[in-house]
């Protein structure tokens, strides 16, 4: 600023060099937009098997009764020394190997579970230590049987933002630890297991990518499926143990009805969001809770029964692990191939519901 005479000033400015934002339609911006794709899958089921015949010795039930109502023949049960993180570790190592990346290339770990190793630290942090993925982000997602899709959605957003390149996502459960084997209604349903995927960065126009995820919850229906005891509202006590409140409680008929409705709604939502017809879907993986539920959902959505991928007969309901286990098994069989359009959907305690449409 120059002084001309007393009280008179003239401003002197250097020319400004403005950096303008790149237009959204430019090629440069297009190259900066990321997508995520499943680069590897893995799964693990414990060695011990609990058959329907075994359950006949524990509760008033029969093999045929269970088959007719659920489609389940057996379920896997974790050994006494196996925890959720142990199952997740085995599935994760297989997924990393399939993705052809090392633990040093993992940027984040997300574990979906309702049966963590302990209250704290998170199971994801325990898994991180076992994998020796030092210093990377690690967190648990709790959305019950919808948990894997919830976790996949979180990972997808981290990759789309450009923050991370490779994220390990695992759904893992040891539900046998919260099942009351005196309760005929629930003990026939649940099993243990883990599935995992590596979600990796790709271009937004790549053939293999997550197309969309859709997440919902109806907290007002939370009492339909719950474990009342053991949390801050009802800490462990002699009363909790005497009343078996540390175990899963379920209002089966209401859960069935809401499961069919919400999984069908989420499936239709995913198709609408991507302007895709049901006939375009190559494969459908519904949450493996009950054969009758999966088939009812397929009928409501209009899916061909030939598109249904299921393992519920051999694994039972493994909650957050069910979808990634089926995905891995079918990828390794060669059923699901690169370029196939896969629709997944789930519901769970909360009540939560979710869907994901992806091109494998």
Protein backbone atom coordinates (compact mmCIF):
# COMPACT_ATOMS: atom_id res chain seq x y z
CA UNK A 1 0.00 0.00 0.00
CA UNK A 2 1.54 3.33 -1.11
CA UNK A 3 1.13 6.69 0.72
CA UNK A 4 0.36 9.54 -1.74
CA UNK A 5 -0.09 12.33 0.76
CA UNK A 6 -1.33 12.67 4.29
CA UNK A 7 -4.51 10.70 4.71
CA UNK A 8 -4.57 9.48 1.08
CA UNK A 9 -3.76 5.81 0.26
CA UNK A 10 -3.65 3.74 -2.90
CA UNK A 11 -3.82 -0.02 -2.66
CA UNK A 12 -1.31 -2.02 -4.64
CA UNK A 13 -2.08 -5.73 -5.04
CA UNK A 14 -0.18 -8.63 -6.54
CA UNK A 15 -2.18 -10.52 -9.17
CA UNK A 16 -4.17 -13.46 -7.77
CA UNK A 17 -3.65 -16.98 -9.07
CA UNK A 18 -6.87 -18.90 -8.46
CA UNK A 19 -7.03 -22.69 -8.37
CA UNK A 20 -10.46 -23.59 -9.66
CA UNK A 21 -12.12 -26.94 -8.92
CA UNK A 22 -12.07 -29.49 -11.71
CA UNK A 23 -15.55 -29.80 -13.29
CA UNK A 24 -17.31 -32.95 -12.21
CA UNK A 25 -17.62 -34.11 -15.81
CA UNK A 26 -13.94 -33.84 -16.62
CA UNK A 27 -11.80 -36.86 -17.42
CA UNK A 28 -9.40 -35.94 -14.60
CA UNK A 29 -12.12 -36.12 -11.97
CA UNK A 30 -13.46 -39.35 -13.45
CA UNK A 31 -10.09 -41.01 -12.92
CA UNK A 32 -10.16 -39.97 -9.25
CA UNK A 33 -13.46 -41.76 -8.54
CA UNK A 34 -12.92 -45.18 -6.98
CA UNK A 35 -15.00 -48.30 -6.60
CA UNK A 36 -14.41 -51.42 -4.55
CA UNK A 37 -14.38 -55.05 -5.63
CA UNK A 38 -14.08 -58.37 -3.84
CA UNK A 39 -10.55 -59.51 -4.62
CA UNK A 40 -10.52 -62.62 -2.42
CA UNK A 41 -12.81 -64.79 -0.28
CA UNK A 42 -12.31 -67.30 2.52
CA UNK A 43 -14.36 -69.29 5.02
CA UNK A 44 -13.90 -71.63 7.95
CA UNK A 45 -16.16 -74.08 9.77
CA UNK A 46 -15.16 -75.84 13.01
CA UNK A 47 -14.58 -79.58 12.90
CA UNK A 48 -17.24 -80.56 15.43
CA UNK A 49 -20.67 -81.25 13.91
CA UNK A 50 -23.98 -81.27 15.79
CA UNK A 51 -26.60 -83.20 13.83
CA UNK A 52 -30.36 -83.26 14.23
CA UNK A 53 -30.01 -86.77 15.63
CA UNK A 54 -27.69 -85.37 18.29
CA UNK A 55 -30.30 -82.76 19.20
CA UNK A 56 -32.92 -85.48 19.65
CA UNK A 57 -30.93 -86.51 22.73
CA UNK A 58 -31.00 -82.99 24.19
CA UNK A 59 -34.53 -81.70 23.60
CA UNK A 60 -37.96 -82.96 22.59
CA UNK A 61 -37.51 -82.81 18.82
CA UNK A 62 -36.81 -85.04 15.82
CA UNK A 63 -34.67 -84.97 12.73
CA UNK A 64 -37.74 -84.83 10.48
CA UNK A 65 -39.41 -82.07 12.53
CA UNK A 66 -36.30 -79.87 12.21
CA UNK A 67 -35.89 -80.60 8.50
CA UNK A 68 -39.54 -79.84 7.74
CA UNK A 69 -39.48 -76.48 9.53
CA UNK A 70 -35.98 -75.20 8.83
CA UNK A 71 -34.25 -77.27 6.16
CA UNK A 72 -31.31 -77.74 8.54
CA UNK A 73 -29.62 -81.14 8.93
CA UNK A 74 -26.53 -80.19 10.92
CA UNK A 75 -24.49 -77.27 12.23
CA UNK A 76 -20.81 -76.78 13.15
CA UNK A 77 -19.80 -76.08 16.76
CA UNK A 78 -16.59 -74.40 17.89
CA UNK A 79 -14.28 -76.37 20.15
CA UNK A 80 -13.95 -75.23 23.76
CA UNK A 81 -10.62 -73.55 23.00
CA UNK A 82 -11.85 -71.82 19.81
CA UNK A 83 -13.08 -68.23 19.96
CA UNK A 84 -14.68 -66.00 17.35
CA UNK A 85 -11.32 -64.44 16.44
CA UNK A 86 -9.84 -67.91 15.85
CA UNK A 87 -12.54 -68.70 13.30
CA UNK A 88 -12.15 -65.27 11.70
CA UNK A 89 -8.39 -65.76 11.48
CA UNK A 90 -8.67 -68.94 9.43
CA UNK A 91 -11.21 -67.41 7.04
CA UNK A 92 -9.15 -64.24 6.74
CA UNK A 93 -5.92 -66.05 5.86
CA UNK A 94 -7.71 -67.84 3.03
CA UNK A 95 -9.22 -64.57 1.77
CA UNK A 96 -5.84 -62.84 1.82
CA UNK A 97 -4.27 -65.73 -0.07
CA UNK A 98 -7.06 -65.65 -2.67
CA UNK A 99 -6.60 -61.89 -3.08
CA UNK A 100 -2.85 -62.41 -3.45
CA UNK A 101 -1.96 -59.74 -0.91
CA UNK A 102 0.08 -59.88 2.28
CA UNK A 103 -0.96 -58.74 5.73
CA UNK A 104 1.34 -55.73 5.22
CA UNK A 105 -0.96 -54.55 2.42
CA UNK A 106 -4.10 -54.57 4.60
CA UNK A 107 -5.20 -51.00 5.44
CA UNK A 108 -8.11 -51.80 7.77
CA UNK A 109 -9.93 -54.70 9.45
CA UNK A 110 -13.68 -54.82 10.08
CA UNK A 111 -15.28 -57.74 11.90
CA UNK A 112 -19.05 -58.25 11.97
CA UNK A 113 -20.06 -60.28 15.01
CA UNK A 114 -22.56 -60.50 17.85
CA UNK A 115 -20.40 -63.00 19.73
CA UNK A 116 -17.12 -61.15 20.30
CA UNK A 117 -14.22 -62.77 22.10
CA UNK A 118 -14.81 -60.37 24.99
CA UNK A 119 -16.41 -57.00 25.75
CA UNK A 120 -13.16 -55.21 25.03
CA UNK A 121 -10.90 -55.00 23.16
CA UNK A 122 -12.82 -55.56 19.95
CA UNK A 123 -12.55 -58.86 18.11
CA UNK A 124 -11.15 -56.90 15.15
CA UNK A 125 -8.25 -55.71 17.31
CA UNK A 126 -7.62 -59.27 18.48
CA UNK A 127 -7.69 -60.44 14.87
CA UNK A 128 -5.32 -57.63 13.92
CA UNK A 129 -2.83 -58.84 16.53
CA UNK A 130 -3.09 -62.45 15.30
CA UNK A 131 -2.52 -61.35 11.71
CA UNK A 132 0.25 -58.93 12.78
CA UNK A 133 -1.35 -56.10 10.77
CA UNK A 134 0.24 -53.52 13.02
CA UNK A 135 -1.30 -50.05 13.42
CA UNK A 136 -4.13 -50.38 10.88
CA UNK A 137 -7.68 -49.40 11.75
CA UNK A 138 -9.66 -52.22 13.36
CA UNK A 139 -13.28 -52.18 14.52
CA UNK A 140 -16.27 -54.42 15.17
CA UNK A 141 -19.71 -53.96 13.61
CA UNK A 142 -22.73 -55.24 15.53
CA UNK A 143 -25.80 -55.69 13.35
CA UNK A 144 -26.49 -59.36 14.07
CA UNK A 145 -27.24 -61.42 10.96
CA UNK A 146 -27.11 -58.30 8.75
CA UNK A 147 -23.66 -57.56 10.11
CA UNK A 148 -21.58 -58.70 7.15
CA UNK A 149 -23.43 -56.49 4.67
CA UNK A 150 -23.25 -53.59 7.13
CA UNK A 151 -19.48 -54.12 7.46
CA UNK A 152 -19.09 -54.48 3.70
CA UNK A 153 -20.92 -51.18 3.22
CA UNK A 154 -18.61 -49.39 5.68
CA UNK A 155 -15.55 -50.80 3.90
CA UNK A 156 -16.99 -49.84 0.52
CA UNK A 157 -17.33 -46.21 1.59
CA UNK A 158 -13.77 -46.07 2.94
CA UNK A 159 -12.45 -47.34 -0.38
CA UNK A 160 -14.68 -45.11 -2.51
CA UNK A 161 -13.42 -42.07 -0.59
CA UNK A 162 -9.85 -42.96 -1.49
CA UNK A 163 -8.86 -43.38 2.16
CA UNK A 164 -7.96 -47.07 1.96
CA UNK A 165 -6.96 -49.55 -0.73
CA UNK A 166 -7.43 -53.01 0.82
CA UNK A 167 -9.85 -53.78 3.66
CA UNK A 168 -10.32 -57.17 5.29
CA UNK A 169 -13.99 -57.76 6.17
CA UNK A 170 -14.99 -60.80 8.20
CA UNK A 171 -18.29 -62.09 9.50
CA UNK A 172 -17.61 -64.50 12.36
CA UNK A 173 -19.73 -66.09 15.08
CA UNK A 174 -19.60 -68.61 17.90
CA UNK A 175 -23.34 -68.64 18.47
CA UNK A 176 -23.17 -71.95 20.33
CA UNK A 177 -21.97 -69.92 23.33
CA UNK A 178 -25.28 -68.03 23.52
CA UNK A 179 -27.65 -70.88 22.59
CA UNK A 180 -29.76 -72.55 25.25
CA UNK A 181 -29.67 -76.26 24.43
CA UNK A 182 -32.80 -76.74 26.52
CA UNK A 183 -34.82 -74.44 24.27
CA UNK A 184 -36.20 -76.46 21.36
CA UNK A 185 -37.19 -73.37 19.40
CA UNK A 186 -33.71 -71.86 19.15
CA UNK A 187 -31.11 -74.59 19.69
CA UNK A 188 -31.99 -76.27 16.38
CA UNK A 189 -31.16 -73.15 14.37
CA UNK A 190 -27.71 -71.83 15.14
CA UNK A 191 -24.15 -72.85 14.32
CA UNK A 192 -20.62 -71.44 14.35
CA UNK A 193 -18.38 -70.34 11.51
CA UNK A 194 -16.60 -67.47 9.78
CA UNK A 195 -16.35 -65.98 6.34
CA UNK A 196 -14.13 -63.20 5.03
CA UNK A 197 -13.48 -61.10 1.96
CA UNK A 198 -10.78 -58.68 0.93
CA UNK A 199 -12.34 -55.56 -0.53
CA UNK A 200 -9.91 -53.77 -2.83
CA UNK A 201 -9.85 -50.51 -4.76
CA UNK A 202 -10.81 -50.58 -8.42
CA UNK A 203 -11.89 -48.08 -11.07
CA UNK A 204 -15.48 -46.90 -11.00
CA UNK A 205 -16.11 -48.41 -14.42
CA UNK A 206 -14.46 -51.77 -13.64
CA UNK A 207 -16.56 -54.84 -14.33
CA UNK A 208 -16.07 -56.31 -10.84
CA UNK A 209 -17.35 -53.94 -8.18
CA UNK A 210 -19.86 -53.29 -5.42
CA UNK A 211 -22.80 -51.64 -7.16
CA UNK A 212 -24.76 -50.57 -4.07
CA UNK A 213 -25.58 -51.41 -0.47
CA UNK A 214 -28.82 -50.67 1.40
CA UNK A 215 -29.05 -50.66 5.19
CA UNK A 216 -32.11 -50.35 7.45
CA UNK A 217 -33.18 -51.01 11.03
CA UNK A 218 -36.46 -51.15 12.96
CA UNK A 219 -35.47 -50.73 16.59
CA UNK A 220 -39.08 -50.92 17.75
CA UNK A 221 -38.99 -54.64 16.90
CA UNK A 222 -35.84 -55.33 18.89
CA UNK A 223 -37.57 -57.54 21.44
CA UNK A 224 -38.39 -60.15 18.81
CA UNK A 225 -34.84 -61.52 18.84
CA UNK A 226 -32.46 -60.71 21.68
CA UNK A 227 -30.00 -61.77 24.35
CA UNK A 228 -31.35 -59.82 27.37
CA UNK A 229 -28.65 -60.56 29.94
CA UNK A 230 -24.98 -59.63 30.09
CA UNK A 231 -25.06 -56.00 28.99
CA UNK A 232 -25.14 -52.75 30.95
CA UNK A 233 -28.94 -52.86 31.35
CA UNK A 234 -28.86 -56.32 32.90
CA UNK A 235 -25.30 -57.21 33.95
CA UNK A 236 -24.41 -60.82 34.68
CA UNK A 237 -25.82 -61.93 38.03
CA UNK A 238 -27.19 -65.04 39.65
CA UNK A 239 -30.65 -63.94 38.52
CA UNK A 240 -29.52 -63.72 34.87
CA UNK A 241 -28.05 -67.22 35.10
CA UNK A 242 -31.07 -68.69 36.92
CA UNK A 243 -33.45 -67.28 34.30
CA UNK A 244 -31.17 -68.21 31.34
CA UNK A 245 -31.18 -64.58 30.17
CA UNK A 246 -27.65 -64.93 28.81
CA UNK A 247 -29.05 -66.97 25.91
CA UNK A 248 -30.83 -66.10 22.65
CA UNK A 249 -34.55 -65.49 23.01
CA UNK A 250 -36.78 -65.39 19.94
CA UNK A 251 -40.41 -64.90 19.01
CA UNK A 252 -40.23 -67.23 16.06
CA UNK A 253 -43.46 -66.53 14.20
CA UNK A 254 -43.00 -62.75 14.26
CA UNK A 255 -39.33 -63.06 13.27
CA UNK A 256 -40.25 -65.28 10.31
CA UNK A 257 -42.84 -62.80 9.04
CA UNK A 258 -40.56 -59.78 9.34
CA UNK A 259 -37.59 -61.64 7.88
CA UNK A 260 -39.45 -62.50 4.69
CA UNK A 261 -40.84 -59.00 4.28
CA UNK A 262 -37.64 -57.06 4.97
CA UNK A 263 -35.35 -59.28 2.91
CA UNK A 264 -37.74 -59.05 -0.04
CA UNK A 265 -37.97 -55.25 0.38
CA UNK A 266 -34.18 -54.86 0.53
CA UNK A 267 -33.74 -57.04 -2.55
CA UNK A 268 -36.23 -54.99 -4.55
CA UNK A 269 -34.59 -51.78 -3.30
CA UNK A 270 -31.21 -52.90 -4.63
CA UNK A 271 -32.66 -53.81 -8.02
CA UNK A 272 -34.50 -50.48 -8.33
CA UNK A 273 -31.46 -48.46 -7.30
CA UNK A 274 -29.44 -49.97 -10.14
CA UNK A 275 -32.25 -50.12 -12.72
CA UNK A 276 -31.79 -53.87 -12.95
CA UNK A 277 -34.48 -56.49 -13.43
CA UNK A 278 -34.64 -59.67 -11.44
CA UNK A 279 -33.88 -61.67 -14.59
CA UNK A 280 -30.46 -59.96 -14.78
CA UNK A 281 -29.38 -61.52 -11.45
CA UNK A 282 -27.14 -64.56 -11.84
CA UNK A 283 -27.04 -65.60 -8.20
CA UNK A 284 -28.96 -64.83 -5.00
CA UNK A 285 -27.46 -65.33 -1.54
CA UNK A 286 -30.00 -64.77 1.20
CA UNK A 287 -29.12 -64.95 4.87
CA UNK A 288 -29.01 -68.67 5.72
CA UNK A 289 -31.51 -68.63 8.56
CA UNK A 290 -34.15 -71.03 7.36
CA UNK A 291 -34.86 -72.73 4.02
CA UNK A 292 -38.50 -71.67 4.07
CA UNK A 293 -37.55 -68.02 4.61
CA UNK A 294 -35.07 -68.02 1.73
CA UNK A 295 -37.55 -69.61 -0.66
CA UNK A 296 -40.37 -67.26 0.40
CA UNK A 297 -38.14 -64.24 -0.23
CA UNK A 298 -37.16 -65.57 -3.65
CA UNK A 299 -40.81 -66.03 -4.58
CA UNK A 300 -41.74 -62.48 -3.49
CA UNK A 301 -38.86 -60.98 -5.45
CA UNK A 302 -39.54 -63.16 -8.49
CA UNK A 303 -36.21 -64.96 -8.46
CA UNK A 304 -35.69 -68.22 -10.28
CA UNK A 305 -35.11 -71.00 -7.73
CA UNK A 306 -32.09 -72.03 -9.82
CA UNK A 307 -30.41 -68.76 -8.81
CA UNK A 308 -30.54 -69.54 -5.08
CA UNK A 309 -27.23 -70.42 -3.44
CA UNK A 310 -27.63 -72.12 -0.06
CA UNK A 311 -25.75 -74.11 2.55
CA UNK A 312 -28.26 -73.82 5.40
CA UNK A 313 -28.76 -77.59 5.49
CA UNK A 314 -25.13 -78.14 6.46
CA UNK A 315 -24.33 -75.05 8.56
CA UNK A 316 -27.56 -73.78 10.11
CA UNK A 317 -27.81 -70.09 10.90
CA UNK A 318 -24.31 -68.65 11.38
CA UNK A 319 -25.56 -65.05 11.66
CA UNK A 320 -23.03 -62.52 10.27
CA UNK A 321 -20.93 -65.36 8.88
CA UNK A 322 -23.63 -66.93 6.72
CA UNK A 323 -23.39 -64.81 3.55
CA UNK A 324 -19.57 -64.74 3.27
CA UNK A 325 -19.39 -68.49 3.91
CA UNK A 326 -21.80 -69.22 1.04
CA UNK A 327 -20.01 -66.70 -1.18
CA UNK A 328 -16.62 -68.30 -0.58
CA UNK A 329 -17.88 -71.86 -1.01
CA UNK A 330 -19.55 -71.05 -4.32
CA UNK A 331 -16.56 -69.06 -5.62
CA UNK A 332 -14.26 -71.99 -4.84
CA UNK A 333 -16.65 -74.44 -6.51
CA UNK A 334 -16.56 -72.27 -9.62
CA UNK A 335 -20.29 -71.56 -9.44
CA UNK A 336 -19.78 -67.81 -9.03
CA UNK A 337 -17.45 -66.46 -11.69
CA UNK A 338 -15.98 -63.07 -12.48
CA UNK A 339 -18.62 -60.85 -14.05
CA UNK A 340 -21.57 -62.62 -12.42
CA UNK A 341 -24.23 -60.36 -10.89
CA UNK A 342 -24.83 -61.39 -7.27
CA UNK A 343 -27.65 -60.14 -5.03
CA UNK A 344 -27.32 -60.65 -1.28
CA UNK A 345 -29.75 -59.78 1.49
CA UNK A 346 -30.05 -60.35 5.22
CA UNK A 347 -32.08 -59.57 8.31
CA UNK A 348 -31.16 -59.84 11.96
CA UNK A 349 -31.78 -58.83 15.54
CA UNK A 350 -32.47 -55.16 15.91
CA UNK A 351 -34.36 -55.73 13.68
CA UNK A 352 -31.77 -54.90 11.03
CA UNK A 353 -31.98 -55.57 7.30
CA UNK A 354 -29.59 -55.05 4.44
CA UNK A 355 -28.84 -55.85 0.82
CA UNK A 356 -25.88 -55.62 -1.51
CA UNK A 357 -25.78 -55.88 -5.27
CA UNK A 358 -22.36 -56.62 -6.72
CA UNK A 359 -20.67 -57.79 -9.84
CA UNK A 360 -18.20 -60.44 -8.78
